[in-house]
Protein backbone atom coordinates (compact mmCIF):
# COMPACT_ATOMS: atom_id res chain seq x y z
CA MET A 1 -49.79 3.95 8.03
CA LYS A 2 -48.21 6.44 10.27
CA PRO A 3 -45.43 8.46 9.14
CA LEU A 4 -41.93 8.46 10.63
CA VAL A 5 -39.98 11.37 11.66
CA ALA A 6 -36.22 10.83 13.48
CA ILE A 7 -34.14 13.17 15.38
CA VAL A 8 -30.62 12.42 14.58
CA GLY A 9 -27.43 14.55 15.63
CA ARG A 10 -24.02 14.55 17.35
CA PRO A 11 -23.83 12.71 21.04
CA ASN A 12 -25.31 15.13 24.04
CA VAL A 13 -27.12 17.97 21.94
CA GLY A 14 -30.31 17.03 23.64
CA LYS A 15 -32.20 14.74 21.88
CA SER A 16 -33.57 13.12 24.32
CA THR A 17 -34.98 16.20 25.88
CA LEU A 18 -36.33 16.72 22.62
CA PHE A 19 -37.74 13.47 21.95
CA ASN A 20 -39.69 13.40 25.46
CA ARG A 21 -40.94 17.46 24.44
CA LEU A 22 -42.66 16.34 21.61
CA ILE A 23 -43.72 13.17 22.75
CA GLY A 24 -45.52 14.95 25.91
CA GLN A 25 -43.90 12.28 28.15
CA ARG A 26 -40.28 10.86 29.61
CA LEU A 27 -39.83 7.80 27.66
CA ALA A 28 -36.34 7.92 26.88
CA ILE A 29 -33.41 8.06 29.11
CA VAL A 30 -31.62 11.55 29.73
CA GLU A 31 -28.42 12.33 31.08
CA ASP A 32 -25.76 14.46 30.75
CA ILE A 33 -23.13 11.52 29.76
CA PRO A 34 -22.64 11.57 26.03
CA GLY A 35 -24.29 8.41 24.15
CA THR A 36 -26.48 7.46 27.09
CA THR A 37 -29.22 6.40 23.97
CA ARG A 38 -27.94 3.54 22.59
CA ASP A 39 -31.01 2.05 20.70
CA ARG A 40 -33.99 3.47 19.13
CA ILE A 41 -37.06 4.73 20.94
CA TYR A 42 -40.09 5.23 19.24
CA ALA A 43 -43.72 6.79 20.56
CA ASP A 44 -46.72 8.29 18.16
CA ALA A 45 -46.70 12.49 18.40
CA GLU A 46 -49.61 14.38 17.42
CA TRP A 47 -49.44 18.19 16.13
CA ASN A 48 -52.50 20.45 13.90
CA GLY A 49 -53.61 17.39 13.60
CA ARG A 50 -51.12 15.28 12.13
CA ILE A 51 -50.21 12.24 14.12
CA PHE A 52 -46.54 10.68 13.52
CA THR A 53 -44.71 8.03 15.64
CA LEU A 54 -41.07 10.01 16.34
CA ILE A 55 -38.09 7.81 16.77
CA ASP A 56 -35.10 8.81 19.23
CA THR A 57 -31.44 7.80 17.92
CA GLY A 58 -28.94 7.22 19.96
CA GLY A 59 -25.82 9.74 19.19
CA LEU A 60 -24.34 10.01 15.71
CA GLU A 61 -20.51 9.83 15.60
CA LEU A 62 -18.90 9.78 12.19
CA ALA A 63 -15.39 9.28 14.00
CA THR A 64 -15.99 6.05 15.36
CA GLY A 65 -14.59 4.47 18.38
CA GLY A 66 -15.12 0.89 18.66
CA ASP A 67 -17.98 -1.16 17.72
CA PHE A 68 -20.60 -0.16 19.87
CA SER A 69 -19.83 3.90 18.26
CA ALA A 70 -20.40 1.86 15.21
CA GLN A 71 -23.24 0.27 16.14
CA ILE A 72 -25.22 3.43 16.75
CA ASN A 73 -23.84 4.96 13.77
CA ALA A 74 -25.60 1.79 12.08
CA GLN A 75 -29.02 2.73 14.07
CA VAL A 76 -29.03 5.57 12.77
CA GLN A 77 -28.00 5.36 9.31
CA LEU A 78 -31.47 2.92 9.55
CA ALA A 79 -33.17 5.89 10.77
CA ILE A 80 -32.48 8.13 8.06
CA GLU A 81 -32.97 4.90 5.83
CA GLU A 82 -36.63 4.31 6.91
CA ALA A 83 -38.01 8.29 7.94
CA ASP A 84 -40.34 10.18 6.26
CA VAL A 85 -38.88 12.94 8.13
CA ILE A 86 -35.64 13.64 9.67
CA VAL A 87 -34.99 16.58 12.81
CA PHE A 88 -31.28 17.32 11.99
CA LEU A 89 -30.59 18.68 16.27
CA VAL A 90 -26.71 21.21 17.05
CA ASP A 91 -25.84 22.81 20.07
CA VAL A 92 -25.84 26.40 19.67
CA ARG A 93 -23.47 26.16 22.41
CA ASP A 94 -20.95 24.52 20.65
CA GLY A 95 -21.26 26.01 17.28
CA ILE A 96 -20.89 23.89 14.42
CA THR A 97 -18.50 21.28 14.67
CA THR A 98 -16.73 18.91 12.39
CA SER A 99 -19.02 16.40 12.94
CA ASP A 100 -22.26 18.75 12.34
CA SER A 101 -20.86 18.95 8.93
CA GLU A 102 -20.04 15.72 7.80
CA VAL A 103 -23.46 15.02 9.67
CA ALA A 104 -25.49 17.65 7.36
CA ALA A 105 -23.35 15.75 4.17
CA ARG A 106 -24.62 12.97 4.86
CA LEU A 107 -28.80 14.41 5.03
CA ARG A 108 -28.39 16.29 2.73
CA GLN A 109 -27.02 12.96 0.28
CA SER A 110 -29.99 11.26 1.20
CA LYS A 111 -32.99 13.59 0.01
CA LYS A 112 -35.28 13.52 2.74
CA PRO A 113 -36.79 16.11 3.77
CA VAL A 114 -34.50 17.46 6.61
CA VAL A 115 -35.73 20.13 9.64
CA LEU A 116 -32.03 22.05 11.24
CA GLY A 117 -33.25 22.49 14.91
CA ALA A 118 -31.00 24.63 17.24
CA ASN A 119 -31.31 23.14 20.72
CA LYS A 120 -29.98 24.68 23.80
CA ALA A 121 -31.25 28.47 22.51
CA ASP A 122 -32.37 29.44 26.36
CA ASN A 123 -31.92 33.65 26.32
CA ALA A 124 -31.89 36.23 22.78
CA LYS A 125 -27.94 35.97 22.20
CA GLN A 126 -27.86 32.21 21.76
CA ARG A 127 -31.11 32.40 18.84
CA GLN A 128 -29.06 34.89 17.59
CA GLU A 129 -26.01 33.27 17.34
CA SER A 130 -27.85 30.18 15.35
CA VAL A 131 -27.90 31.88 12.27
CA GLU A 132 -24.24 30.69 11.53
CA PHE A 133 -26.15 27.10 11.01
CA TYR A 134 -27.54 28.52 7.76
CA GLU A 135 -23.70 27.14 6.53
CA LEU A 136 -25.22 23.58 6.87
CA GLY A 137 -26.58 24.02 3.88
CA LEU A 138 -30.51 22.46 5.63
CA GLY A 139 -32.22 25.17 5.17
CA GLU A 140 -33.16 28.35 8.55
CA PRO A 141 -32.57 26.98 11.35
CA ILE A 142 -35.37 26.19 14.12
CA THR A 143 -34.08 27.95 17.42
CA VAL A 144 -35.57 25.48 20.14
CA SER A 145 -35.42 24.84 24.09
CA SER A 146 -35.69 20.75 24.67
CA ILE A 147 -35.81 21.70 28.78
CA SER A 148 -38.47 25.01 28.71
CA GLY A 149 -40.32 23.89 25.38
CA THR A 150 -39.37 27.33 23.82
CA GLY A 151 -39.72 26.75 20.17
CA THR A 152 -40.63 23.71 19.51
CA GLY A 153 -44.11 24.50 18.45
CA ASP A 154 -42.03 25.87 15.58
CA LEU A 155 -40.22 22.65 14.85
CA LEU A 156 -43.40 20.54 15.37
CA ASP A 157 -45.47 23.22 12.14
CA ALA A 158 -42.17 22.81 10.55
CA ILE A 159 -42.09 18.82 10.88
CA THR A 160 -45.90 18.74 9.67
CA ASP A 161 -45.20 20.95 6.55
CA VAL A 162 -43.01 18.57 5.18
CA LEU A 163 -44.81 15.22 5.74
CA PRO A 164 -46.19 13.41 3.07
CA PRO A 165 -49.79 13.57 3.00
CA SER A 166 -52.13 11.48 4.90
CA ASP A 167 -53.85 10.29 2.30
CA GLY A 168 -50.98 9.88 0.32
CA ASP A 169 -49.87 6.09 0.62
CA GLU A 170 -49.69 4.42 -2.53
CA GLU A 171 -48.64 1.22 -1.09
CA GLU A 172 -52.29 1.18 1.09
CA ASP A 173 -54.38 2.48 -2.51
CA ALA A 174 -52.43 0.38 -5.07
CA THR A 175 -55.18 -2.73 -3.21
CA PRO A 176 -58.21 -0.68 -1.74
CA GLY A 177 -60.75 -2.59 -0.46
CA ILE A 178 -58.29 -6.14 0.24
CA PRO A 179 -58.42 -7.72 3.26
CA ARG A 180 -54.92 -7.20 5.06
CA PHE A 181 -53.89 -10.18 7.02
CA ALA A 182 -50.66 -9.41 9.00
CA ILE A 183 -48.39 -12.53 10.45
CA VAL A 184 -47.22 -11.79 14.01
CA GLY A 185 -44.71 -12.79 16.71
CA ARG A 186 -41.69 -13.63 18.22
CA PRO A 187 -38.91 -14.64 16.32
CA ASN A 188 -38.67 -17.98 14.62
CA THR A 189 -42.51 -19.21 15.81
CA GLY A 190 -43.03 -20.18 11.62
CA LYS A 191 -43.83 -16.83 10.66
CA SER A 192 -42.28 -17.14 7.25
CA SER A 193 -43.24 -21.15 6.88
CA LEU A 194 -46.51 -20.23 7.33
CA VAL A 195 -46.46 -17.89 4.50
CA ASN A 196 -44.94 -20.04 2.22
CA ALA A 197 -47.42 -23.29 2.94
CA ILE A 198 -50.19 -20.42 1.84
CA LEU A 199 -48.52 -19.58 -0.63
CA GLY A 200 -47.89 -22.73 -1.93
CA GLU A 201 -43.75 -22.32 -2.92
CA ASP A 202 -41.04 -20.24 -1.21
CA ARG A 203 -41.34 -17.45 -1.77
CA VAL A 204 -39.80 -15.97 2.11
CA ILE A 205 -36.99 -17.31 2.42
CA VAL A 206 -37.25 -19.97 5.79
CA SER A 207 -34.29 -20.07 8.68
CA ASP A 208 -33.51 -21.60 11.87
CA ILE A 209 -31.93 -18.68 12.67
CA PRO A 210 -34.36 -16.38 14.39
CA GLY A 211 -34.68 -12.62 13.25
CA THR A 212 -34.07 -13.97 9.22
CA THR A 213 -36.62 -12.02 7.89
CA ARG A 214 -36.10 -8.25 8.21
CA ASP A 215 -38.69 -6.01 6.36
CA THR A 216 -42.61 -6.84 6.09
CA ILE A 217 -43.44 -8.23 3.26
CA ASP A 218 -46.48 -8.65 1.52
CA SER A 219 -47.71 -11.42 -0.59
CA GLU A 220 -51.09 -11.52 -2.65
CA VAL A 221 -53.09 -14.78 -2.36
CA GLU A 222 -56.39 -16.03 -3.26
CA HIS A 223 -58.78 -17.99 -0.67
CA ASP A 224 -61.94 -19.84 -1.86
CA GLY A 225 -62.36 -17.11 -4.53
CA HIS A 226 -61.39 -13.63 -2.15
CA ASN A 227 -57.87 -12.32 -2.65
CA VAL A 228 -55.70 -10.93 0.32
CA ILE A 229 -52.91 -9.40 1.62
CA LEU A 230 -51.11 -11.68 3.27
CA ILE A 231 -47.60 -9.47 5.76
CA ASP A 232 -44.85 -11.65 6.73
CA THR A 233 -42.42 -9.71 9.71
CA ALA A 234 -39.66 -9.88 11.44
CA GLY A 235 -39.95 -11.14 14.42
CA VAL A 236 -40.83 -9.31 17.48
CA ARG A 237 -38.47 -9.64 20.90
CA ARG A 238 -38.53 -9.00 23.91
CA ARG A 239 -36.89 -4.91 24.29
CA GLY A 240 -34.02 -6.41 26.84
CA ARG A 241 -33.29 -8.75 23.92
CA VAL A 242 -33.29 -6.83 20.73
CA GLY A 243 -30.55 -6.23 19.50
CA PRO A 244 -28.91 -2.79 18.11
CA GLY A 245 -28.58 -2.39 14.32
CA VAL A 246 -31.58 -3.49 11.54
CA GLU A 247 -32.76 -5.50 14.14
CA LYS A 248 -34.41 -2.95 16.45
CA TYR A 249 -36.14 -1.50 13.24
CA SER A 250 -37.39 -5.16 12.39
CA VAL A 251 -39.76 -4.45 15.89
CA LEU A 252 -40.82 -1.42 14.16
CA ARG A 253 -41.48 -2.60 11.01
CA SER A 254 -43.76 -5.30 12.75
CA HIS A 255 -46.09 -2.93 14.97
CA ARG A 256 -46.39 -0.79 12.17
CA ALA A 257 -47.58 -3.98 10.35
CA ILE A 258 -49.88 -4.50 12.81
CA ASP A 259 -51.13 -0.40 12.35
CA ARG A 260 -52.02 -1.36 8.46
CA CYS A 261 -53.64 -4.98 9.29
CA ASP A 262 -57.15 -5.93 9.18
CA VAL A 263 -56.57 -9.00 11.41
CA ALA A 264 -52.99 -9.71 12.91
CA ILE A 265 -52.87 -13.42 13.26
CA LEU A 266 -50.44 -14.33 15.92
CA MET A 267 -47.81 -16.80 16.16
CA ILE A 268 -47.16 -18.88 19.27
CA ASP A 269 -44.26 -20.82 19.64
CA GLY A 270 -46.46 -24.52 20.39
CA VAL A 271 -43.52 -26.32 22.40
CA GLU A 272 -42.04 -23.02 24.00
CA GLY A 273 -45.40 -21.92 25.12
CA ILE A 274 -47.38 -18.30 26.29
CA THR A 275 -44.42 -16.27 26.65
CA ALA A 276 -44.16 -11.95 27.87
CA GLN A 277 -43.41 -10.96 24.76
CA ASP A 278 -46.51 -12.86 22.97
CA THR A 279 -48.57 -11.13 26.00
CA HIS A 280 -46.68 -7.53 24.68
CA ILE A 281 -47.69 -8.40 21.05
CA ALA A 282 -50.98 -9.15 21.52
CA GLY A 283 -52.02 -6.46 23.43
CA TYR A 284 -50.19 -4.22 20.96
CA ILE A 285 -52.93 -5.75 18.79
CA HIS A 286 -55.81 -5.24 21.61
CA ASP A 287 -55.03 -1.64 21.98
CA ALA A 288 -54.71 -0.86 18.06
CA ALA A 289 -58.60 -2.33 17.83
CA LYS A 290 -57.53 -4.93 14.99
CA GLY A 291 -58.49 -8.38 14.61
CA ILE A 292 -56.51 -10.93 15.84
CA ILE A 293 -55.93 -14.92 15.51
CA ILE A 294 -53.85 -16.63 17.90
CA VAL A 295 -52.54 -19.74 15.79
CA ILE A 296 -50.13 -22.41 18.31
CA ASN A 297 -47.83 -23.62 15.92
CA LYS A 298 -45.34 -26.83 15.51
CA TRP A 299 -48.69 -28.14 17.07
CA ASP A 300 -47.07 -31.32 15.27
CA LEU A 301 -43.51 -31.16 16.91
CA VAL A 302 -45.81 -30.98 20.21
CA ARG A 303 -47.21 -34.10 19.74
CA GLU A 304 -44.30 -36.21 18.68
CA ARG A 305 -42.47 -34.74 22.38
CA ARG A 306 -46.05 -35.59 24.38
CA ARG A 307 -46.16 -38.80 22.52
CA ALA A 308 -42.06 -39.97 23.56
CA ALA A 309 -42.76 -37.82 27.12
CA GLU A 310 -45.52 -41.17 26.71
CA ASP A 311 -42.87 -44.14 25.85
CA LEU A 312 -40.38 -42.58 29.33
CA ALA A 313 -43.57 -42.58 31.78
CA ASP A 314 -45.66 -44.82 33.30
CA PRO A 315 -48.21 -45.97 30.42
CA ASP A 316 -50.78 -46.37 33.62
CA ARG A 317 -50.39 -41.86 33.99
CA PRO A 318 -49.99 -40.28 30.84
CA VAL A 319 -48.43 -37.01 30.52
CA SER A 320 -50.67 -33.62 29.97
CA LEU A 321 -49.42 -30.20 28.40
CA VAL A 322 -51.62 -28.74 32.32
CA PRO A 323 -48.91 -29.80 35.17
CA GLY A 324 -51.04 -30.99 37.70
CA GLU A 325 -53.84 -32.73 35.47
CA ASN A 326 -53.20 -36.56 34.46
CA PRO A 327 -56.13 -37.42 32.01
CA PRO A 328 -57.36 -41.16 31.23
CA GLN A 329 -56.19 -43.17 28.82
CA LEU A 330 -57.75 -42.20 25.48
CA SER A 331 -57.11 -42.41 21.73
CA ALA A 332 -54.68 -40.78 19.75
CA LYS A 333 -57.44 -39.03 18.65
CA GLU A 334 -59.28 -38.28 22.04
CA GLN A 335 -55.96 -37.73 23.35
CA GLU A 336 -55.04 -34.92 21.19
CA LEU A 337 -58.83 -33.57 20.93
CA LEU A 338 -57.78 -33.15 24.78
CA ASP A 339 -54.52 -32.17 24.70
CA ALA A 340 -56.22 -29.33 22.21
CA LYS A 341 -58.63 -27.91 24.88
CA GLN A 342 -55.62 -28.02 27.60
CA TYR A 343 -53.84 -26.04 25.96
CA THR A 344 -56.56 -23.31 25.29
CA ARG A 345 -57.36 -23.52 29.00
CA ALA A 346 -54.10 -22.14 29.12
CA VAL A 347 -53.87 -20.37 26.59
CA ARG A 348 -57.01 -18.00 27.64
CA GLU A 349 -55.53 -17.95 31.11
CA GLN A 350 -52.58 -15.86 30.52
CA LEU A 351 -54.46 -14.05 27.40
CA LYS A 352 -56.85 -12.84 29.17
CA PHE A 353 -57.55 -9.37 27.85
CA VAL A 354 -58.76 -10.80 24.24
CA PRO A 355 -61.29 -13.96 25.07
CA TYR A 356 -62.59 -13.10 22.09
CA ALA A 357 -59.59 -14.47 20.04
CA PRO A 358 -60.12 -17.31 18.40
CA VAL A 359 -57.15 -20.30 19.22
CA VAL A 360 -56.22 -22.02 15.71
CA PHE A 361 -53.28 -25.66 16.17
CA ALA A 362 -51.31 -25.47 13.39
CA ALA A 363 -48.33 -26.91 11.85
CA ALA A 364 -46.70 -24.68 9.25
CA LYS A 365 -44.34 -26.99 7.60
CA THR A 366 -47.08 -29.76 7.92
CA GLY A 367 -49.62 -27.77 6.13
CA TYR A 368 -51.99 -28.85 9.41
CA HIS A 369 -54.76 -26.81 9.17
CA MET A 370 -53.51 -23.60 7.08
CA ARG A 371 -57.13 -23.27 5.51
CA ASN A 372 -58.61 -22.55 8.93
CA ILE A 373 -56.58 -19.79 9.61
CA LEU A 374 -57.65 -18.02 6.16
CA ASP A 375 -60.78 -18.68 6.97
CA HIS A 376 -61.00 -17.26 10.19
CA ALA A 377 -59.64 -14.39 8.96
CA LEU A 378 -61.72 -14.00 6.60
CA ARG A 379 -65.06 -14.44 8.59
CA ILE A 380 -63.26 -11.74 11.90
CA TYR A 381 -62.67 -9.51 8.49
CA ASP A 382 -66.60 -9.28 7.51
CA THR A 383 -67.75 -9.12 11.51
CA ARG A 384 -65.63 -6.15 11.67
CA HIS A 385 -67.85 -4.19 9.03
CA VAL A 386 -71.14 -5.80 10.40
CA ARG A 387 -73.52 -2.80 10.97
CA ILE A 388 -76.08 -3.05 13.95
CA ALA A 389 -79.51 -1.85 13.37
CA THR A 390 -79.92 0.97 16.00
CA PRO A 391 -83.18 -0.40 17.04
CA ALA A 392 -82.01 -4.22 17.40
CA LEU A 393 -78.98 -2.58 19.55
CA ASN A 394 -81.61 -0.66 22.29
CA ASP A 395 -83.45 -3.75 22.14
CA VAL A 396 -80.53 -5.42 23.75
CA VAL A 397 -78.98 -2.14 25.45
CA ARG A 398 -82.53 -2.33 27.13
CA ASP A 399 -82.64 -5.92 27.86
CA ALA A 400 -79.12 -5.64 29.87
CA ILE A 401 -80.10 -2.63 32.19
CA GLN A 402 -83.00 -4.84 33.66
CA HIS A 403 -81.36 -8.15 34.03
CA HIS A 404 -78.48 -5.90 35.56
CA HIS A 405 -78.33 -2.20 36.94
CA PRO A 406 -75.76 0.31 37.24
CA SER A 407 -74.14 0.68 40.82
CA PHE A 408 -74.20 3.81 42.10
CA ILE A 409 -71.58 5.82 42.47
CA GLN A 410 -71.98 9.00 45.06
CA GLY A 411 -75.87 8.09 45.03
CA ARG A 412 -75.93 9.15 41.58
CA GLN A 413 -77.13 5.96 39.26
CA LEU A 414 -75.67 5.53 35.46
CA LYS A 415 -78.94 6.15 33.09
CA ILE A 416 -78.52 4.76 29.58
CA TYR A 417 -80.59 6.76 27.49
CA TYR A 418 -79.80 5.01 23.57
CA ALA A 419 -77.10 3.41 21.93
CA THR A 420 -75.90 3.41 18.06
CA GLN A 421 -72.77 2.29 16.11
CA ALA A 422 -70.68 4.64 14.93
CA GLU A 423 -68.17 3.23 12.70
CA VAL A 424 -67.07 -0.27 11.70
CA SER A 425 -63.63 -2.11 11.82
CA PRO A 426 -63.14 -1.77 14.90
CA PRO A 427 -66.96 -1.78 15.68
CA THR A 428 -67.83 1.55 17.71
CA PHE A 429 -71.49 1.98 20.07
CA VAL A 430 -72.23 5.34 21.26
CA PHE A 431 -73.99 5.07 24.73
CA PHE A 432 -75.62 8.42 25.48
CA VAL A 433 -76.13 8.59 29.08
CA ASN A 434 -76.20 11.13 31.86
CA ASP A 435 -72.86 11.28 33.16
CA PRO A 436 -70.22 8.79 32.19
CA ALA A 437 -68.04 10.04 35.16
CA LEU A 438 -70.51 7.42 36.73
CA LEU A 439 -69.54 4.42 34.50
CA HIS A 440 -67.71 1.81 36.43
CA PHE A 441 -65.91 -0.69 34.01
CA SER A 442 -67.05 -3.44 35.25
CA PHE A 443 -70.16 -2.64 34.07
CA GLU A 444 -68.86 -1.30 31.01
CA ARG A 445 -67.72 -4.98 30.77
CA TYR A 446 -70.16 -6.15 30.97
CA LEU A 447 -72.41 -4.44 28.45
CA GLU A 448 -69.88 -6.09 25.93
CA ASN A 449 -70.27 -9.29 26.73
CA ARG A 450 -73.79 -8.65 26.32
CA LEU A 451 -73.30 -7.38 22.55
CA ARG A 452 -70.94 -10.89 22.20
CA ASP A 453 -73.56 -12.59 23.73
CA VAL A 454 -76.03 -11.45 20.95
CA PHE A 455 -74.41 -10.30 17.84
CA GLY A 456 -70.87 -11.95 18.66
CA PHE A 457 -68.04 -10.14 17.20
CA GLU A 458 -64.94 -13.50 16.89
CA GLY A 459 -62.02 -12.02 16.85
CA THR A 460 -62.21 -9.00 17.27
CA THR A 461 -62.18 -5.99 19.30
CA ILE A 462 -65.36 -2.76 20.14
CA ARG A 463 -64.81 -0.17 21.45
CA LEU A 464 -67.87 1.26 23.18
CA GLN A 465 -67.84 5.42 24.15
CA PHE A 466 -70.45 6.96 26.70
CA ARG A 467 -71.18 10.97 25.52
CA ALA A 468 -73.04 12.96 28.27
CA ARG A 469 -75.91 14.10 26.36
CA SER A 470 -76.67 18.03 26.24
CA LYS A 471 -78.75 19.92 28.21
CA ASP A 472 -80.39 21.08 25.37
CA GLU A 473 -80.90 18.14 24.16
CA ASP A 474 -81.99 16.62 27.16
CA ASP A 475 -84.81 19.77 27.40
CA THR A 476 -85.42 19.06 23.79
CA LYS A 477 -86.22 15.15 24.31
CA GLY A 478 -88.04 16.24 28.05
CA LYS A 479 -90.80 18.29 26.02
CA LYS A 480 -93.88 17.18 24.67
CA ARG A 481 -95.52 18.04 21.80
CA PRO A 482 -97.95 20.48 22.25
CA SER A 483 -101.01 19.09 20.66
CA ARG A 484 -103.40 21.81 17.99
CA ASN A 485 -105.37 23.31 20.55
CA GLY A 486 -102.87 24.15 22.57
CA ALA A 487 -102.43 21.37 25.50
CA ARG A 488 -99.36 18.79 25.72
CA ARG A 489 -99.25 15.82 24.90
């Protein structure tokens, strides 16, 4: 799990500018008006081989001027509680203010590693004046200029020096080799009810109020002789609807749960159907290269609503879940199966980028299809650790090329020399080619589909990497071995 680094400080000291500089893109809104950043923004940064999640926060105002300032303070306090490292940013032009002193006192109480950054040190005189910040009792101030980038390398060095060890995640080490399944989705889709149904007890608080689960909760359970870890998470809301305070951090925790799981169980509210936020979560799971199961929850409610609609409608024209389609009169069981197929077709249409994900219809409150979910998750976990023998892999690749040759790009054609599986979890395949620039995305997709047709890989991302073979390697492989009498074979 990536460590968290929070940038805190009073308003208008340049936190968002520094955030954008450190992550290498303009993600945070930057204005000269104090208090522009109201919500925490987070993104990954990398330095000295370490990857960490950087959090931009609203300005910390200890003398709260209304509810808005109080909300910002609550967000920053949560950042302090959650972060592994805190970057306290001050303004060398203003010197030490009363707010700086009070913030420094709060940070010293946190017992967290603190890196003191003295921003807006744009010339030698201002860099010399930064020595006054020693008075804050937080160690040496590191002078930086967020706008020009001066000193940011020293700041990043200081951050990585105090990050927790990359292999020191005690939570991961405590349960080595046990599959981890994260239950994710929008608020109030039944995630906690699913955990309780699987565990057979009310281990997690269940409420109709969206966002009841604020933190990630791990539970160990045995299923068919296998121990697994279930990670219940707070619901991920659409960005514009994430409220201030604790709920925003719940989104970050859900993303972190996806990062540390093997298979993500994406809960969809069957009554509401697929939303834009469901698509966002599925995309995050896909980008993280995790296993995925799409669970259409509350299927019992969907059937009840359908029956109610049929009672009100013309009995000769039953209502279909898919607009414009009216199936003939069928038995209740046949109708349920038909509805599930229609619903699956709609899900596939809206989540085209994860066609490999199995779709399970369930009802967490009644226990309907609960075992199916874990059965799928364990199969996907095993699939993610499958290794394909190199000869078998290359047989499939050669057959694929014979049936569909790569297209020509500017008069040149992609040539695949051979392929091998480099990693598992997720399965990663490396193709050695003459020039990766000649690869068209449609041919890459074709190769992935061929691998899935032959080897399966249901429920998991597979990665295809294309590497150019070096000239020396080409020359070596192109030469024939000399025979004993000096002739070439």
